N, C-alpha and C. Protein backbone atom coordinates (compact mmCIF):
# COMPACT_ATOMS: atom_id res chain seq x y z
N MET A 1 0.88 -1.18 -0.11
CA MET A 1 0.08 -0.21 -0.20
C MET A 1 0.88 1.17 0.06
N SER A 2 1.25 1.79 -1.14
CA SER A 2 2.11 2.75 -1.26
C SER A 2 1.63 4.15 -0.61
N GLN A 3 0.44 4.55 -0.60
CA GLN A 3 -0.06 5.48 0.20
C GLN A 3 -0.69 4.92 1.58
N HIS A 4 -0.81 5.79 2.41
CA HIS A 4 -1.74 5.49 3.81
C HIS A 4 -3.00 5.53 3.58
N VAL A 5 -3.65 4.49 3.34
CA VAL A 5 -5.21 4.59 3.20
C VAL A 5 -5.85 4.49 4.57
N SER A 6 -6.54 5.27 4.91
CA SER A 6 -7.44 4.86 6.36
C SER A 6 -8.91 4.53 6.07
N LEU A 7 -9.30 3.48 6.56
CA LEU A 7 -10.38 2.79 6.30
C LEU A 7 -11.23 2.89 7.43
N SER A 8 -12.47 3.09 7.40
CA SER A 8 -13.69 2.88 8.46
C SER A 8 -13.75 1.45 8.77
N PRO A 9 -14.30 1.27 9.84
CA PRO A 9 -14.84 -0.21 9.99
C PRO A 9 -15.53 -0.98 8.89
N SER A 10 -16.52 -0.13 8.22
CA SER A 10 -17.37 -0.59 7.25
C SER A 10 -16.46 -0.80 6.00
N GLU A 11 -15.75 -0.14 5.86
CA GLU A 11 -14.72 -0.19 4.75
C GLU A 11 -13.87 -1.36 4.81
N TRP A 12 -13.55 -1.62 6.00
CA TRP A 12 -12.76 -2.84 6.26
C TRP A 12 -13.44 -4.03 6.26
N ARG A 13 -14.69 -3.97 6.32
CA ARG A 13 -15.78 -5.25 6.02
C ARG A 13 -15.64 -5.68 4.55
N VAL A 14 -15.99 -4.45 3.95
CA VAL A 14 -15.88 -4.52 2.46
C VAL A 14 -14.44 -5.28 1.79
N MET A 15 -13.43 -4.70 2.60
CA MET A 15 -12.18 -5.20 2.05
C MET A 15 -11.88 -6.57 2.39
N GLU A 16 -12.48 -7.05 3.50
CA GLU A 16 -12.34 -8.53 4.00
C GLU A 16 -13.12 -9.25 3.06
N ALA A 17 -14.20 -8.72 2.52
CA ALA A 17 -14.91 -9.57 1.40
C ALA A 17 -14.29 -9.89 0.28
N LEU A 18 -13.51 -8.59 -0.11
CA LEU A 18 -12.90 -8.76 -1.27
C LEU A 18 -11.71 -9.63 -1.23
N TRP A 19 -11.02 -9.62 0.04
CA TRP A 19 -9.59 -10.39 0.38
C TRP A 19 -9.95 -11.78 0.41
N ASP A 20 -11.28 -12.12 0.69
CA ASP A 20 -11.81 -13.49 0.74
C ASP A 20 -11.75 -13.99 -0.80
N LYS A 21 -12.55 -13.17 -1.62
CA LYS A 21 -12.74 -13.72 -2.88
C LYS A 21 -12.76 -12.25 -3.83
N ALA A 22 -11.94 -12.35 -4.78
CA ALA A 22 -12.05 -11.00 -5.83
C ALA A 22 -11.42 -11.75 -7.33
N PRO A 23 -11.97 -11.21 -8.28
CA PRO A 23 -12.96 -9.74 -8.32
C PRO A 23 -14.31 -10.18 -8.02
N ARG A 24 -15.01 -9.17 -7.49
CA ARG A 24 -16.50 -9.19 -7.28
C ARG A 24 -17.29 -8.00 -7.85
N THR A 25 -18.52 -8.41 -8.62
CA THR A 25 -19.13 -7.35 -8.89
C THR A 25 -19.90 -6.76 -7.81
N ILE A 26 -20.68 -5.45 -8.12
CA ILE A 26 -21.40 -5.07 -7.04
C ILE A 26 -22.40 -6.02 -6.79
N LYS A 27 -23.13 -6.64 -7.57
CA LYS A 27 -24.21 -7.60 -7.27
C LYS A 27 -23.63 -8.80 -6.43
N GLU A 28 -22.36 -9.27 -6.64
CA GLU A 28 -21.84 -10.45 -5.81
C GLU A 28 -21.48 -10.00 -4.61
N LEU A 29 -20.91 -8.69 -4.51
CA LEU A 29 -20.32 -8.21 -3.27
C LEU A 29 -21.55 -7.96 -2.36
N THR A 30 -22.74 -7.51 -2.74
CA THR A 30 -24.03 -7.19 -2.04
C THR A 30 -24.41 -8.38 -1.46
N GLY A 31 -24.41 -9.44 -2.29
CA GLY A 31 -24.76 -10.78 -1.85
C GLY A 31 -24.01 -11.24 -0.68
N ASP A 32 -22.64 -11.13 -0.89
CA ASP A 32 -21.78 -11.65 0.15
C ASP A 32 -21.80 -11.08 1.43
N LEU A 33 -22.37 -9.68 1.34
CA LEU A 33 -22.27 -8.59 2.39
C LEU A 33 -23.79 -8.69 3.30
N ALA A 34 -24.66 -9.10 2.48
CA ALA A 34 -26.11 -8.73 2.79
C ALA A 34 -26.55 -9.50 4.14
N GLY A 35 -26.09 -10.78 4.20
CA GLY A 35 -26.36 -11.46 5.22
C GLY A 35 -25.98 -11.08 6.69
N ASP A 36 -24.71 -10.74 6.76
CA ASP A 36 -23.99 -9.98 7.79
C ASP A 36 -24.23 -8.57 8.16
N THR A 37 -24.62 -8.03 7.07
CA THR A 37 -24.64 -6.38 7.43
C THR A 37 -26.15 -5.90 7.00
N GLY A 38 -26.58 -6.57 6.08
CA GLY A 38 -28.12 -5.70 5.80
C GLY A 38 -28.11 -4.60 4.76
N TRP A 39 -26.77 -4.66 4.16
CA TRP A 39 -26.56 -3.47 3.38
C TRP A 39 -27.20 -3.39 1.99
N SER A 40 -27.70 -2.43 1.41
CA SER A 40 -28.34 -2.67 0.12
C SER A 40 -27.19 -2.38 -0.98
N LYS A 41 -27.87 -2.59 -2.04
CA LYS A 41 -26.65 -2.41 -3.33
C LYS A 41 -26.23 -0.86 -3.28
N HIS A 42 -27.03 -0.05 -2.87
CA HIS A 42 -26.71 1.45 -2.81
C HIS A 42 -25.89 1.56 -1.94
N THR A 43 -25.81 0.98 -0.67
CA THR A 43 -24.85 1.24 0.60
C THR A 43 -23.33 0.67 -0.05
N VAL A 44 -23.49 -0.27 -0.38
CA VAL A 44 -22.02 -1.14 -1.34
C VAL A 44 -21.55 -0.26 -2.10
N ILE A 45 -22.47 0.48 -3.09
CA ILE A 45 -22.00 1.26 -4.26
C ILE A 45 -21.43 2.43 -3.56
N SER A 46 -21.66 3.08 -2.46
CA SER A 46 -21.41 4.16 -1.85
C SER A 46 -19.88 3.80 -1.29
N PHE A 47 -19.76 2.68 -0.64
CA PHE A 47 -18.55 2.47 0.08
C PHE A 47 -17.50 2.18 -1.03
N LEU A 48 -18.00 1.43 -2.13
CA LEU A 48 -16.85 1.24 -2.92
C LEU A 48 -16.43 2.61 -3.86
N ASN A 49 -17.52 3.59 -4.07
CA ASN A 49 -16.76 4.83 -4.80
C ASN A 49 -15.97 5.53 -3.81
N ARG A 50 -16.19 5.62 -2.49
CA ARG A 50 -15.44 6.04 -1.55
C ARG A 50 -13.96 5.58 -1.44
N MET A 51 -14.03 4.08 -1.52
CA MET A 51 -12.71 3.40 -1.39
C MET A 51 -11.99 3.25 -2.61
N GLU A 52 -12.80 3.77 -3.83
CA GLU A 52 -11.88 3.90 -5.00
C GLU A 52 -11.28 5.00 -5.03
N LYS A 53 -12.05 6.34 -4.64
CA LYS A 53 -11.15 7.53 -4.29
C LYS A 53 -10.01 7.53 -3.50
N LYS A 54 -9.96 6.75 -2.27
CA LYS A 54 -9.06 6.36 -1.45
C LYS A 54 -7.81 5.54 -1.96
N GLY A 55 -8.01 4.91 -3.11
CA GLY A 55 -7.01 3.99 -3.63
C GLY A 55 -7.11 2.81 -2.96
N ALA A 56 -8.34 2.44 -2.37
CA ALA A 56 -8.05 1.09 -1.45
C ALA A 56 -8.64 -0.02 -2.51
N VAL A 57 -9.58 0.11 -3.69
CA VAL A 57 -10.03 -0.84 -4.35
C VAL A 57 -9.67 -0.43 -6.07
N VAL A 58 -9.67 -1.22 -6.88
CA VAL A 58 -9.65 -1.17 -8.27
C VAL A 58 -10.78 -1.74 -8.85
N TYR A 59 -10.99 -1.68 -10.26
CA TYR A 59 -12.00 -2.36 -10.84
C TYR A 59 -11.60 -2.39 -12.26
N ALA A 60 -12.14 -3.64 -13.06
CA ALA A 60 -11.99 -3.85 -14.36
C ALA A 60 -13.40 -3.78 -14.78
N GLU A 61 -13.75 -3.46 -15.97
CA GLU A 61 -14.93 -3.57 -16.76
C GLU A 61 -15.07 -5.14 -17.29
N GLU A 62 -16.40 -5.65 -16.67
CA GLU A 62 -16.71 -7.10 -17.29
C GLU A 62 -18.07 -6.87 -17.78
N GLY A 63 -17.93 -6.68 -19.22
CA GLY A 63 -19.38 -6.30 -20.00
C GLY A 63 -19.83 -5.08 -19.32
N ARG A 64 -21.14 -5.12 -18.93
CA ARG A 64 -21.71 -3.95 -18.23
C ARG A 64 -21.49 -3.83 -16.78
N ALA A 65 -20.79 -4.67 -16.23
CA ALA A 65 -20.43 -4.76 -14.59
C ALA A 65 -19.04 -4.08 -14.47
N LYS A 66 -18.92 -3.69 -13.32
CA LYS A 66 -17.56 -3.47 -12.76
C LYS A 66 -17.22 -4.51 -11.74
N ALA A 67 -15.89 -5.18 -11.74
CA ALA A 67 -15.44 -6.19 -10.99
C ALA A 67 -14.32 -5.54 -10.07
N TYR A 68 -14.92 -5.34 -8.88
CA TYR A 68 -13.55 -4.75 -8.00
C TYR A 68 -12.66 -5.80 -7.48
N SER A 69 -11.64 -5.39 -7.05
CA SER A 69 -10.47 -6.19 -6.32
C SER A 69 -10.00 -5.14 -5.48
N PRO A 70 -9.27 -5.76 -4.43
CA PRO A 70 -8.33 -5.04 -3.47
C PRO A 70 -7.10 -4.22 -4.21
N ALA A 71 -6.79 -3.06 -3.94
CA ALA A 71 -5.70 -2.39 -4.49
C ALA A 71 -4.38 -2.96 -4.14
N TYR A 72 -4.49 -3.56 -2.80
CA TYR A 72 -3.31 -4.00 -1.96
C TYR A 72 -3.50 -5.17 -1.30
N PRO A 73 -2.51 -6.18 -0.85
CA PRO A 73 -2.75 -7.37 0.05
C PRO A 73 -3.24 -7.03 1.48
N LYS A 74 -3.95 -7.97 2.09
CA LYS A 74 -4.16 -7.85 3.26
C LYS A 74 -3.00 -7.55 4.30
N GLY A 75 -2.07 -8.49 4.05
CA GLY A 75 -0.95 -8.33 4.96
C GLY A 75 -0.56 -6.84 5.06
N GLU A 76 -0.24 -6.17 3.92
CA GLU A 76 0.14 -4.84 3.95
C GLU A 76 -0.79 -3.85 4.53
N ALA A 77 -1.97 -4.20 4.46
CA ALA A 77 -3.11 -3.28 5.13
C ALA A 77 -2.96 -3.21 6.64
N THR A 78 -2.88 -4.46 7.06
CA THR A 78 -3.21 -4.78 8.34
C THR A 78 -1.83 -4.27 9.24
N ARG A 79 -0.78 -4.59 8.53
CA ARG A 79 0.79 -4.03 9.15
C ARG A 79 0.45 -2.48 9.32
N GLU A 80 0.08 -1.91 8.24
CA GLU A 80 0.17 -0.33 8.37
C GLU A 80 -1.02 0.15 9.19
N GLU A 81 -1.99 -0.64 9.30
CA GLU A 81 -3.17 -0.34 10.51
C GLU A 81 -2.68 -0.67 11.85
N ALA A 82 -1.86 -1.40 12.04
CA ALA A 82 -1.10 -1.67 13.28
C ALA A 82 -0.37 -0.72 13.63
N GLU A 83 0.44 -0.30 12.67
CA GLU A 83 1.58 0.81 12.84
C GLU A 83 1.04 1.92 13.16
N ARG A 84 -0.20 2.43 12.58
CA ARG A 84 -0.87 3.67 12.76
C ARG A 84 -1.43 3.40 14.39
N PHE A 85 -2.06 2.51 14.66
CA PHE A 85 -2.54 2.24 16.15
C PHE A 85 -1.53 2.46 17.03
N LEU A 86 -0.29 1.73 16.85
CA LEU A 86 0.76 1.96 17.62
C LEU A 86 1.26 3.52 18.03
N ASP A 87 1.33 4.11 16.83
CA ASP A 87 1.74 5.48 16.89
C ASP A 87 0.74 6.24 17.72
N ARG A 88 -0.47 6.03 17.24
CA ARG A 88 -1.69 7.05 17.69
C ARG A 88 -1.86 6.78 19.29
N VAL A 89 -1.86 5.55 19.71
CA VAL A 89 -2.32 5.23 21.33
C VAL A 89 -1.12 5.13 22.13
N PHE A 90 0.20 4.43 21.58
CA PHE A 90 1.41 4.20 22.36
C PHE A 90 2.49 5.18 21.92
N GLY A 91 2.21 6.05 20.98
CA GLY A 91 3.62 6.90 20.73
C GLY A 91 4.43 6.07 19.86
N GLY A 92 3.93 5.27 19.23
CA GLY A 92 5.05 4.05 18.38
C GLY A 92 6.01 3.17 19.32
N SER A 93 5.83 3.09 20.73
CA SER A 93 6.33 2.23 21.56
C SER A 93 5.45 0.76 21.45
N LEU A 94 6.33 0.00 20.88
CA LEU A 94 5.76 -1.53 21.10
C LEU A 94 5.94 -1.90 22.51
N GLY A 95 7.07 -1.61 23.22
CA GLY A 95 7.25 -1.98 24.71
C GLY A 95 6.05 -1.36 25.51
N LEU A 96 5.52 -0.35 25.34
CA LEU A 96 4.68 0.41 25.86
C LEU A 96 3.16 -0.26 25.72
N MET A 97 2.83 -0.90 24.47
CA MET A 97 1.76 -1.31 24.19
C MET A 97 1.82 -2.89 24.90
N VAL A 98 2.91 -3.55 24.90
CA VAL A 98 3.19 -5.05 25.33
C VAL A 98 2.73 -4.83 26.89
N ASN A 99 3.53 -3.88 27.65
CA ASN A 99 3.48 -3.53 29.10
C ASN A 99 1.88 -3.41 29.38
N SER A 100 1.34 -2.45 28.52
CA SER A 100 -0.15 -2.39 28.85
C SER A 100 -0.86 -3.55 28.83
N MET A 101 -0.68 -4.48 27.67
CA MET A 101 -1.62 -5.72 27.62
C MET A 101 -1.28 -6.57 28.46
N VAL A 102 -0.15 -6.60 29.09
CA VAL A 102 0.37 -7.71 30.43
C VAL A 102 -0.35 -7.13 31.59
N GLU A 103 -0.50 -5.80 31.81
CA GLU A 103 -0.97 -5.36 32.88
C GLU A 103 -2.59 -5.73 33.04
């Protein structure tokens, strides 16, 4: 992930679905997420549009549909998210975080 992309918890849910299986059309992704989230097609489209602008997802035209994929691997995203958390909450100190967890 060359740029630092900050994702909301809902956007993480979309990314998890795409990391599990990609590429996915809006229809497929809505079906994948509907059971757990209850999100409509329009909600999924809103998330995908926002995430595309952030550089988190890319798409390829498949006929009349867009097929979305993650723009970067899950490992890279989780590592960067962990680093941001560590910086924000513990001033970048891994020792402080581990100490806090042990207590």
